[in-house]
Structure formats: C-alpha cells, structure tokens
Amino acid sequence: MKTALVMGASGDIGEAVCRRLAQAGWSLYCHCYSNERKVLKFVSELSESYPHQDFFMVCLDMLNYREIPAFLADLFQVDGVVFAAGFTKYGLLSEHSRTDMENLWKIHMETPLLLLSELQPKLRQSGQGRVVFIGSVYGLSGSAMETVYSGVKGAQQSFAKAYAKEVASLGITVNCVAPGAVDTKMNHTFTDSELETLTDEIPLGRLAATNEIAAAVAYLFSEEAQYTTGVTIPVTGGWLS
C-alpha cells in the first residue's frame, strides 16, 4: 500500500489534497502544527471512509529544525511527499523584518529540503517516489508587496527542476503545482469590491476550487505521471500566465 506525507494538511489546499489522494488509494501521514483538533477529526473521517488504508496525524513546527529528527522517527513507509504548508507576508520589502524573511525561507524551502534529504531513501524504495510542492503563480510572475514570498516560491520551482534531475535514476519524480487565486479561508478576507477586481483579471472569471489544485497533485502522484518530472504546472485560470 502506498503512503504519502502531506505537509500542511490542516490548510484548505492540504486537506483537499489528502481527500483526493485517499480516494486514489493512498495511506497518509497528515501533518499539522496548530490545528490538531481539526486534523484529528479529519483523520478519523478518512479512516471511516477508507477502512483498508491507514491515516495518521503527525505534528511539526516547520520553523524549528530541532524538531525534525523526532518527526522523522515517527515516519515509516513514505512513497510520496506533498509540501502544502506555508504562509505569506504582505508589505513592502522594507517592511519585512529579518525574522519575516527567515520564516518564509524556512517553511517554504529550508525545512522541506531538510526533510527530503532524510526521506530520500524511503522515497526510492518503490521506484515510483513522488514529490510535489504547492508553489504559487507568484513564483512564476512575481508580485509587488509579496516580494519575499514570490522569491521563495520561485526557489521551490527551481529546486524541483534541479532535484528532479538528481533523483530521476532512483525513480523519484519532483514537480510543482502553481495555483493562482484559490477559494480558501485566507481569501475570505477580501471585500466584495476587491474580489470583483481580482476575478475580473482572471480569464476564467473566478477563483480556483481547492479540489482543482488537488486534482493536479493527484495526477502527479499517479502511475501515468511517471514520465512527468521537473515541471511546474500552473493552475491559474489563465491569470498571470
């Protein structure tokens, strides 16, 4: 049975990814940090819906590298990893503190790379290992007021391209999915006017649903995607692409 680790399973996109991968037959480690009650309930629901698969909640503060060894010790079989955890910081570059910059780097790049370095032996065992980063359209196009976030998302995409070459002979594929504007709780803070302005800029005229992002991940985790590696798939409705 295939087992995946989904980092950021408590987020809207992470949860949608978990549901889609569970539907495709994957057992899951569902990662969280601060929303344990939500993820425990979610894991229980998955266990009831898919009784022949295994579902576990695992916890890690991705800003604290000292927790990584204990976190890894609780993982056994890992055939795929999705990095869906993250956050942004709005503001001019001059309004970003050193801590802001460090935290954005840690959660989007440093911790994922540290985890992959240790998980690679597990990922290679099946000969069909999967790694997917949930990137951002801003990693492709850049965004004023989110310059550091755009930078680390661009770094994810460059790393995926390079690491894909490094582990191709091990049967591991490495890719990114780059969402545009997605209908998540984070975007519910938009006013009606702001939302209208945003959707007017999107050729398809709406925000993405989280299951549309999850569908791209599910494809990259499928056997049919064994020849797809080192790429970034924009799921943007034609926005900024």
C-alpha atoms as a PDB file:
ATOM      1  CA  MET A   1       0.000   0.000   0.000  1.00  0.00           C
ATOM      2  CA  LYS A   2       1.331   3.436  -0.946  1.00  0.00           C
ATOM      3  CA  THR A   3       1.827   6.013   1.803  1.00  0.00           C
ATOM      4  CA  ALA A   4       2.207   9.774   1.411  1.00  0.00           C
ATOM      5  CA  LEU A   5       3.201  12.544   3.786  1.00  0.00           C
ATOM      6  CA  VAL A   6       1.161  15.714   3.297  1.00  0.00           C
ATOM      7  CA  MET A   7       2.727  18.721   4.978  1.00  0.00           C
ATOM      8  CA  GLY A   8       0.133  21.356   5.796  1.00  0.00           C
ATOM      9  CA  ALA A   9      -2.844  19.006   5.889  1.00  0.00           C
ATOM     10  CA  SER A  10      -4.737  21.419   8.135  1.00  0.00           C
ATOM     11  CA  GLY A  11      -4.918  24.046   5.383  1.00  0.00           C
ATOM     12  CA  ASP A  12      -7.683  24.164   2.805  1.00  0.00           C
ATOM     13  CA  ILE A  13      -5.480  23.028  -0.071  1.00  0.00           C
ATOM     14  CA  GLY A  14      -3.688  20.443   2.082  1.00  0.00           C
ATOM     15  CA  GLU A  15      -6.982  18.948   3.201  1.00  0.00           C
ATOM     16  CA  ALA A  16      -8.247  18.767  -0.381  1.00  0.00           C
ATOM     17  CA  VAL A  17      -5.021  17.020  -1.407  1.00  0.00           C
ATOM     18  CA  CYS A  18      -5.446  14.488   1.401  1.00  0.00           C
ATOM     19  CA  ARG A  19      -9.003  13.723   0.352  1.00  0.00           C
ATOM     20  CA  ARG A  20      -8.023  13.253  -3.289  1.00  0.00           C
ATOM     21  CA  LEU A  21      -5.031  11.027  -2.504  1.00  0.00           C
ATOM     22  CA  ALA A  22      -7.085   8.949  -0.066  1.00  0.00           C
ATOM     23  CA  GLN A  23      -9.674   8.457  -2.804  1.00  0.00           C
ATOM     24  CA  ALA A  24      -6.849   7.243  -5.066  1.00  0.00           C
ATOM     25  CA  GLY A  25      -5.869   4.588  -2.514  1.00  0.00           C
ATOM     26  CA  TRP A  26      -3.044   6.265  -0.619  1.00  0.00           C
ATOM     27  CA  SER A  27      -2.486   5.891   3.094  1.00  0.00           C
ATOM     28  CA  LEU A  28      -1.498   9.221   4.632  1.00  0.00           C
ATOM     29  CA  TYR A  29       0.525  10.992   7.258  1.00  0.00           C
ATOM     30  CA  CYS A  30      -1.437  14.230   7.731  1.00  0.00           C
ATOM     31  CA  HIS A  31       0.858  16.941   9.089  1.00  0.00           C
ATOM     32  CA  CYS A  32      -0.244  19.852  11.223  1.00  0.00           C
ATOM     33  CA  TYR A  33       1.208  22.235  13.765  1.00  0.00           C
ATOM     34  CA  SER A  34      -1.502  24.277  15.477  1.00  0.00           C
ATOM     35  CA  ASN A  35      -4.810  22.763  14.301  1.00  0.00           C
ATOM     36  CA  GLU A  36      -4.564  19.345  15.915  1.00  0.00           C
ATOM     37  CA  ARG A  37      -8.273  19.040  16.765  1.00  0.00           C
ATOM     38  CA  LYS A  38      -9.285  19.750  13.168  1.00  0.00           C
ATOM     39  CA  VAL A  39      -6.799  17.256  11.736  1.00  0.00           C
ATOM     40  CA  LEU A  40      -7.691  14.545  14.262  1.00  0.00           C
ATOM     41  CA  LYS A  41     -11.332  14.826  13.201  1.00  0.00           C
ATOM     42  CA  PHE A  42     -10.302  14.825   9.556  1.00  0.00           C
ATOM     43  CA  VAL A  43      -8.111  11.720  10.024  1.00  0.00           C
ATOM     44  CA  SER A  44     -10.987   9.961  11.777  1.00  0.00           C
ATOM     45  CA  GLU A  45     -13.301  10.745   8.840  1.00  0.00           C
ATOM     46  CA  LEU A  46     -10.778   9.357   6.365  1.00  0.00           C
ATOM     47  CA  SER A  47     -10.343   6.196   8.425  1.00  0.00           C
ATOM     48  CA  GLU A  48     -14.101   5.603   8.377  1.00  0.00           C
ATOM     49  CA  SER A  49     -14.368   6.242   4.642  1.00  0.00           C
ATOM     50  CA  TYR A  50     -11.329   4.145   3.693  1.00  0.00           C
ATOM     51  CA  PRO A  51     -11.021   1.375   6.316  1.00  0.00           C
ATOM     52  CA  HIS A  52      -8.379  -0.556   4.362  1.00  0.00           C
ATOM     53  CA  GLN A  53      -5.958   2.393   4.382  1.00  0.00           C
ATOM     54  CA  ASP A  54      -4.014   3.935   7.262  1.00  0.00           C
ATOM     55  CA  PHE A  55      -4.254   7.566   8.328  1.00  0.00           C
ATOM     56  CA  PHE A  56      -2.152   9.284  10.972  1.00  0.00           C
ATOM     57  CA  MET A  57      -1.766  12.807  12.303  1.00  0.00           C
ATOM     58  CA  VAL A  58       1.847  13.950  12.662  1.00  0.00           C
ATOM     59  CA  CYS A  59       2.971  17.256  14.150  1.00  0.00           C
ATOM     60  CA  LEU A  60       5.944  19.502  13.408  1.00  0.00           C
ATOM     61  CA  ASP A  61       6.758  23.168  13.854  1.00  0.00           C
ATOM     62  CA  MET A  62       8.382  23.770  10.470  1.00  0.00           C
ATOM     63  CA  LEU A  63      10.129  26.854  11.840  1.00  0.00           C
ATOM     64  CA  ASN A  64      12.064  24.776  14.383  1.00  0.00           C
ATOM     65  CA  TYR A  65      14.640  22.483  12.768  1.00  0.00           C
ATOM     66  CA  ARG A  66      15.390  20.871  16.140  1.00  0.00           C
ATOM     67  CA  GLU A  67      12.043  19.043  15.966  1.00  0.00           C
ATOM     68  CA  ILE A  68      12.835  17.384  12.634  1.00  0.00           C
ATOM     69  CA  PRO A  69      14.698  14.253  13.907  1.00  0.00           C
ATOM     70  CA  ALA A  70      11.840  13.254  16.240  1.00  0.00           C
ATOM     71  CA  PHE A  71       9.308  13.954  13.495  1.00  0.00           C
ATOM     72  CA  LEU A  72      11.156  11.748  11.022  1.00  0.00           C
ATOM     73  CA  ALA A  73      11.451   8.956  13.586  1.00  0.00           C
ATOM     74  CA  ASP A  74       7.648   8.596  13.545  1.00  0.00           C
ATOM     75  CA  LEU A  75       7.536   8.046   9.769  1.00  0.00           C
ATOM     76  CA  PHE A  76       7.930   4.556   8.386  1.00  0.00           C
ATOM     77  CA  GLN A  77       6.977   3.935   4.767  1.00  0.00           C
ATOM     78  CA  VAL A  78       6.903   7.151   2.712  1.00  0.00           C
ATOM     79  CA  ASP A  79       6.313   6.845  -1.044  1.00  0.00           C
ATOM     80  CA  GLY A  80       5.339  10.440  -1.702  1.00  0.00           C
ATOM     81  CA  VAL A  81       5.515  13.900  -0.130  1.00  0.00           C
ATOM     82  CA  VAL A  82       3.378  16.985  -0.733  1.00  0.00           C
ATOM     83  CA  PHE A  83       4.585  20.301   0.637  1.00  0.00           C
ATOM     84  CA  ALA A  84       1.400  22.318   1.079  1.00  0.00           C
ATOM     85  CA  ALA A  85       2.301  24.206   4.275  1.00  0.00           C
ATOM     86  CA  GLY A  86       3.111  27.870   4.117  1.00  0.00           C
ATOM     87  CA  PHE A  87       2.111  31.479   4.566  1.00  0.00           C
ATOM     88  CA  THR A  88       2.817  34.863   3.046  1.00  0.00           C
ATOM     89  CA  LYS A  89       3.734  38.309   4.302  1.00  0.00           C
ATOM     90  CA  TYR A  90       2.135  41.362   2.745  1.00  0.00           C
ATOM     91  CA  GLY A  91       4.119  44.581   2.659  1.00  0.00           C
ATOM     92  CA  LEU A  92       6.958  46.416   1.008  1.00  0.00           C
ATOM     93  CA  LEU A  93      10.360  44.745   1.158  1.00  0.00           C
ATOM     94  CA  SER A  94      11.441  47.422   3.634  1.00  0.00           C
ATOM     95  CA  GLU A  95       8.584  46.331   5.905  1.00  0.00           C
ATOM     96  CA  HIS A  96       9.842  42.748   6.105  1.00  0.00           C
ATOM     97  CA  SER A  97      11.928  42.086   9.199  1.00  0.00           C
ATOM     98  CA  ARG A  98      14.822  39.663   9.198  1.00  0.00           C
ATOM     99  CA  THR A  99      12.599  37.236  11.101  1.00  0.00           C
ATOM    100  CA  ASP A 100       9.873  37.569   8.469  1.00  0.00           C
ATOM    101  CA  MET A 101      12.391  36.711   5.759  1.00  0.00           C
ATOM    102  CA  GLU A 102      13.872  33.806   7.719  1.00  0.00           C
ATOM    103  CA  ASN A 103      10.465  32.296   8.472  1.00  0.00           C
ATOM    104  CA  LEU A 104       9.312  32.478   4.865  1.00  0.00           C
ATOM    105  CA  TRP A 105      12.543  30.785   3.795  1.00  0.00           C
ATOM    106  CA  LYS A 106      12.296  28.101   6.470  1.00  0.00           C
ATOM    107  CA  ILE A 107       8.725  26.991   5.856  1.00  0.00           C
ATOM    108  CA  HIS A 108       8.855  27.064   2.057  1.00  0.00           C
ATOM    109  CA  MET A 109      12.440  25.921   1.424  1.00  0.00           C
ATOM    110  CA  GLU A 110      14.767  25.038   4.291  1.00  0.00           C
ATOM    111  CA  THR A 111      12.562  22.592   6.179  1.00  0.00           C
ATOM    112  CA  PRO A 112      11.254  20.857   3.038  1.00  0.00           C
ATOM    113  CA  LEU A 113      14.837  20.358   1.851  1.00  0.00           C
ATOM    114  CA  LEU A 114      15.948  19.027   5.223  1.00  0.00           C
ATOM    115  CA  LEU A 115      13.024  16.586   5.210  1.00  0.00           C
ATOM    116  CA  LEU A 116      13.701  15.431   1.658  1.00  0.00           C
ATOM    117  CA  SER A 117      17.369  14.868   2.421  1.00  0.00           C
ATOM    118  CA  GLU A 118      16.395  12.333   5.096  1.00  0.00           C
ATOM    119  CA  LEU A 119      13.346  10.864   3.329  1.00  0.00           C
ATOM    120  CA  GLN A 120      15.057  10.119   0.020  1.00  0.00           C
ATOM    121  CA  PRO A 121      15.970   6.512   0.969  1.00  0.00           C
ATOM    122  CA  LYS A 122      12.303   5.818   1.706  1.00  0.00           C
ATOM    123  CA  LEU A 123      11.093   7.575  -1.440  1.00  0.00           C
ATOM    124  CA  ARG A 124      13.325   5.487  -3.674  1.00  0.00           C
ATOM    125  CA  GLN A 125      12.204   2.093  -2.337  1.00  0.00           C
ATOM    126  CA  SER A 126       9.152   1.700  -4.564  1.00  0.00           C
ATOM    127  CA  GLY A 127      10.876   3.020  -7.682  1.00  0.00           C
ATOM    128  CA  GLN A 128       7.935   5.411  -8.087  1.00  0.00           C
ATOM    129  CA  GLY A 129       8.548   8.054  -5.430  1.00  0.00           C
ATOM    130  CA  ARG A 130       6.651  11.317  -5.716  1.00  0.00           C
ATOM    131  CA  VAL A 131       7.491  14.831  -4.504  1.00  0.00           C
ATOM    132  CA  VAL A 132       5.148  17.754  -5.159  1.00  0.00           C
ATOM    133  CA  PHE A 133       5.482  21.338  -3.980  1.00  0.00           C
ATOM    134  CA  ILE A 134       2.402  23.545  -3.838  1.00  0.00           C
ATOM    135  CA  GLY A 135       4.005  26.636  -5.268  1.00  0.00           C
ATOM    136  CA  SER A 136       2.347  29.820  -6.477  1.00  0.00           C
ATOM    137  CA  VAL A 137       1.717  31.758  -9.653  1.00  0.00           C
ATOM    138  CA  TYR A 138       3.791  34.464  -7.954  1.00  0.00           C
ATOM    139  CA  GLY A 139       6.778  32.140  -8.175  1.00  0.00           C
ATOM    140  CA  LEU A 140       6.364  32.442 -11.950  1.00  0.00           C
ATOM    141  CA  SER A 141       5.336  36.078 -12.334  1.00  0.00           C
ATOM    142  CA  GLY A 142       6.341  37.803  -9.079  1.00  0.00           C
ATOM    143  CA  SER A 143       4.150  40.121  -7.056  1.00  0.00           C
ATOM    144  CA  ALA A 144       4.741  43.564  -5.644  1.00  0.00           C
ATOM    145  CA  MET A 145       4.029  43.647  -1.884  1.00  0.00           C
ATOM    146  CA  GLU A 146       4.901  39.938  -1.696  1.00  0.00           C
ATOM    147  CA  THR A 147       8.472  40.037  -2.950  1.00  0.00           C
ATOM    148  CA  VAL A 148       9.984  37.635  -0.427  1.00  0.00           C
ATOM    149  CA  TYR A 149       7.108  35.174  -0.806  1.00  0.00           C
ATOM    150  CA  SER A 150       7.499  35.374  -4.596  1.00  0.00           C
ATOM    151  CA  GLY A 151      11.216  34.720  -4.169  1.00  0.00           C
ATOM    152  CA  VAL A 152      10.841  31.589  -2.066  1.00  0.00           C
ATOM    153  CA  LYS A 153       8.110  30.241  -4.328  1.00  0.00           C
ATOM    154  CA  GLY A 154      10.387  30.777  -7.307  1.00  0.00           C
ATOM    155  CA  ALA A 155      13.125  28.974  -5.385  1.00  0.00           C
ATOM    156  CA  GLN A 156      10.814  25.988  -4.877  1.00  0.00           C
ATOM    157  CA  GLN A 157      10.286  25.727  -8.608  1.00  0.00           C
ATOM    158  CA  SER A 158      13.996  25.994  -9.388  1.00  0.00           C
ATOM    159  CA  PHE A 159      14.817  23.405  -6.739  1.00  0.00           C
ATOM    160  CA  ALA A 160      12.204  21.000  -8.124  1.00  0.00           C
ATOM    161  CA  LYS A 161      13.728  21.282 -11.594  1.00  0.00           C
ATOM    162  CA  ALA A 162      17.235  20.593 -10.260  1.00  0.00           C
ATOM    163  CA  TYR A 163      16.319  17.860  -7.750  1.00  0.00           C
ATOM    164  CA  ALA A 164      14.241  16.084 -10.393  1.00  0.00           C
ATOM    165  CA  LYS A 165      17.428  15.576 -12.411  1.00  0.00           C
ATOM    166  CA  GLU A 166      19.332  14.389  -9.357  1.00  0.00           C
ATOM    167  CA  VAL A 167      16.863  11.662  -8.353  1.00  0.00           C
ATOM    168  CA  ALA A 168      15.477  10.609 -11.729  1.00  0.00           C
ATOM    169  CA  SER A 169      17.623   7.470 -11.752  1.00  0.00           C
ATOM    170  CA  LEU A 170      16.026   6.494  -8.422  1.00  0.00           C
ATOM    171  CA  GLY A 171      12.526   6.562  -9.914  1.00  0.00           C
ATOM    172  CA  ILE A 172      11.549   9.683  -7.946  1.00  0.00           C
ATOM    173  CA  THR A 173       9.671  12.466  -9.725  1.00  0.00           C
ATOM    174  CA  VAL A 174       9.732  16.044  -8.420  1.00  0.00           C
ATOM    175  CA  ASN A 175       7.252  18.682  -9.560  1.00  0.00           C
ATOM    176  CA  CYS A 176       5.393  21.838  -8.565  1.00  0.00           C
ATOM    177  CA  VAL A 177       1.772  22.850  -8.820  1.00  0.00           C
ATOM    178  CA  ALA A 178       1.443  26.639  -9.003  1.00  0.00           C
ATOM    179  CA  PRO A 179      -2.054  27.809  -8.032  1.00  0.00           C
ATOM    180  CA  GLY A 180      -3.361  31.236  -8.841  1.00  0.00           C
ATOM    181  CA  ALA A 181      -6.098  32.722  -6.656  1.00  0.00           C
ATOM    182  CA  VAL A 182      -7.841  29.927  -4.756  1.00  0.00           C
ATOM    183  CA  ASP A 183     -11.091  29.998  -2.810  1.00  0.00           C
ATOM    184  CA  THR A 184      -9.634  29.414   0.654  1.00  0.00           C
ATOM    185  CA  LYS A 185     -10.257  30.928   4.068  1.00  0.00           C
ATOM    186  CA  MET A 186      -7.290  33.244   3.516  1.00  0.00           C
ATOM    187  CA  ASN A 187      -9.112  34.924   0.633  1.00  0.00           C
ATOM    188  CA  HIS A 188     -12.379  35.284   2.520  1.00  0.00           C
ATOM    189  CA  THR A 189     -10.950  38.498   3.979  1.00  0.00           C
ATOM    190  CA  PHE A 190     -11.346  40.202   0.592  1.00  0.00           C
ATOM    191  CA  THR A 191     -14.105  42.785   0.295  1.00  0.00           C
ATOM    192  CA  ASP A 192     -16.681  42.282  -2.437  1.00  0.00           C
ATOM    193  CA  SER A 193     -15.017  45.072  -4.414  1.00  0.00           C
ATOM    194  CA  GLU A 194     -11.545  43.535  -4.078  1.00  0.00           C
ATOM    195  CA  LEU A 195     -12.865  40.116  -5.082  1.00  0.00           C
ATOM    196  CA  GLU A 196     -14.616  41.563  -8.116  1.00  0.00           C
ATOM    197  CA  THR A 197     -11.429  43.350  -9.195  1.00  0.00           C
ATOM    198  CA  LEU A 198      -9.443  40.136  -8.822  1.00  0.00           C
ATOM    199  CA  THR A 199     -11.866  37.924 -10.710  1.00  0.00           C
ATOM    200  CA  ASP A 200     -12.073  40.488 -13.499  1.00  0.00           C
ATOM    201  CA  GLU A 201      -8.333  39.913 -14.052  1.00  0.00           C
ATOM    202  CA  ILE A 202      -8.742  36.125 -14.299  1.00  0.00           C
ATOM    203  CA  PRO A 203      -9.706  34.973 -17.819  1.00  0.00           C
ATOM    204  CA  LEU A 204     -11.946  32.201 -16.433  1.00  0.00           C
ATOM    205  CA  GLY A 205     -13.629  34.791 -14.200  1.00  0.00           C
ATOM    206  CA  ARG A 206     -13.474  33.012 -10.834  1.00  0.00           C
ATOM    207  CA  LEU A 207     -11.200  31.690  -8.111  1.00  0.00           C
ATOM    208  CA  ALA A 208      -9.977  28.100  -8.237  1.00  0.00           C
ATOM    209  CA  ALA A 209     -11.626  25.479  -6.066  1.00  0.00           C
ATOM    210  CA  THR A 210      -9.254  23.600  -3.772  1.00  0.00           C
ATOM    211  CA  ASN A 211     -10.195  20.287  -5.401  1.00  0.00           C
ATOM    212  CA  GLU A 212      -8.908  21.646  -8.718  1.00  0.00           C
ATOM    213  CA  ILE A 213      -5.478  22.117  -7.147  1.00  0.00           C
ATOM    214  CA  ALA A 214      -5.726  18.664  -5.583  1.00  0.00           C
ATOM    215  CA  ALA A 215      -6.553  17.154  -8.966  1.00  0.00           C
ATOM    216  CA  ALA A 216      -3.222  18.353 -10.349  1.00  0.00           C
ATOM    217  CA  VAL A 217      -1.417  16.796  -7.390  1.00  0.00           C
ATOM    218  CA  ALA A 218      -3.333  13.542  -7.861  1.00  0.00           C
ATOM    219  CA  TYR A 219      -2.203  13.391 -11.481  1.00  0.00           C
ATOM    220  CA  LEU A 220       1.438  13.902 -10.484  1.00  0.00           C
ATOM    221  CA  PHE A 221       1.069  11.093  -7.921  1.00  0.00           C
ATOM    222  CA  SER A 222      -0.452   8.714 -10.453  1.00  0.00           C
ATOM    223  CA  GLU A 223       1.360   5.952 -12.299  1.00  0.00           C
ATOM    224  CA  GLU A 224       0.565   7.735 -15.566  1.00  0.00           C
ATOM    225  CA  ALA A 225       2.755  10.661 -14.438  1.00  0.00           C
ATOM    226  CA  GLN A 226       5.939   8.600 -14.120  1.00  0.00           C
ATOM    227  CA  TYR A 227       7.383  10.456 -17.143  1.00  0.00           C
ATOM    228  CA  THR A 228       6.461  13.919 -15.806  1.00  0.00           C
ATOM    229  CA  THR A 229       9.216  15.444 -13.694  1.00  0.00           C
ATOM    230  CA  GLY A 230      10.957  18.757 -13.142  1.00  0.00           C
ATOM    231  CA  VAL A 231       7.967  20.823 -14.219  1.00  0.00           C
ATOM    232  CA  THR A 232       5.689  23.452 -12.727  1.00  0.00           C
ATOM    233  CA  ILE A 233       2.014  23.124 -13.618  1.00  0.00           C
ATOM    234  CA  PRO A 234       0.148  26.454 -13.376  1.00  0.00           C
ATOM    235  CA  VAL A 235      -3.463  26.098 -12.217  1.00  0.00           C
ATOM    236  CA  THR A 236      -4.404  29.734 -12.553  1.00  0.00           C
ATOM    237  CA  GLY A 237      -7.481  30.097 -14.758  1.00  0.00           C
ATOM    238  CA  GLY A 238      -5.198  31.881 -17.238  1.00  0.00           C
ATOM    239  CA  TRP A 239      -4.275  34.566 -14.685  1.00  0.00           C
ATOM    240  CA  LEU A 240      -0.710  35.973 -14.839  1.00  0.00           C
ATOM    241  CA  SER A 241       0.385  33.230 -17.198  1.00  0.00           C
END
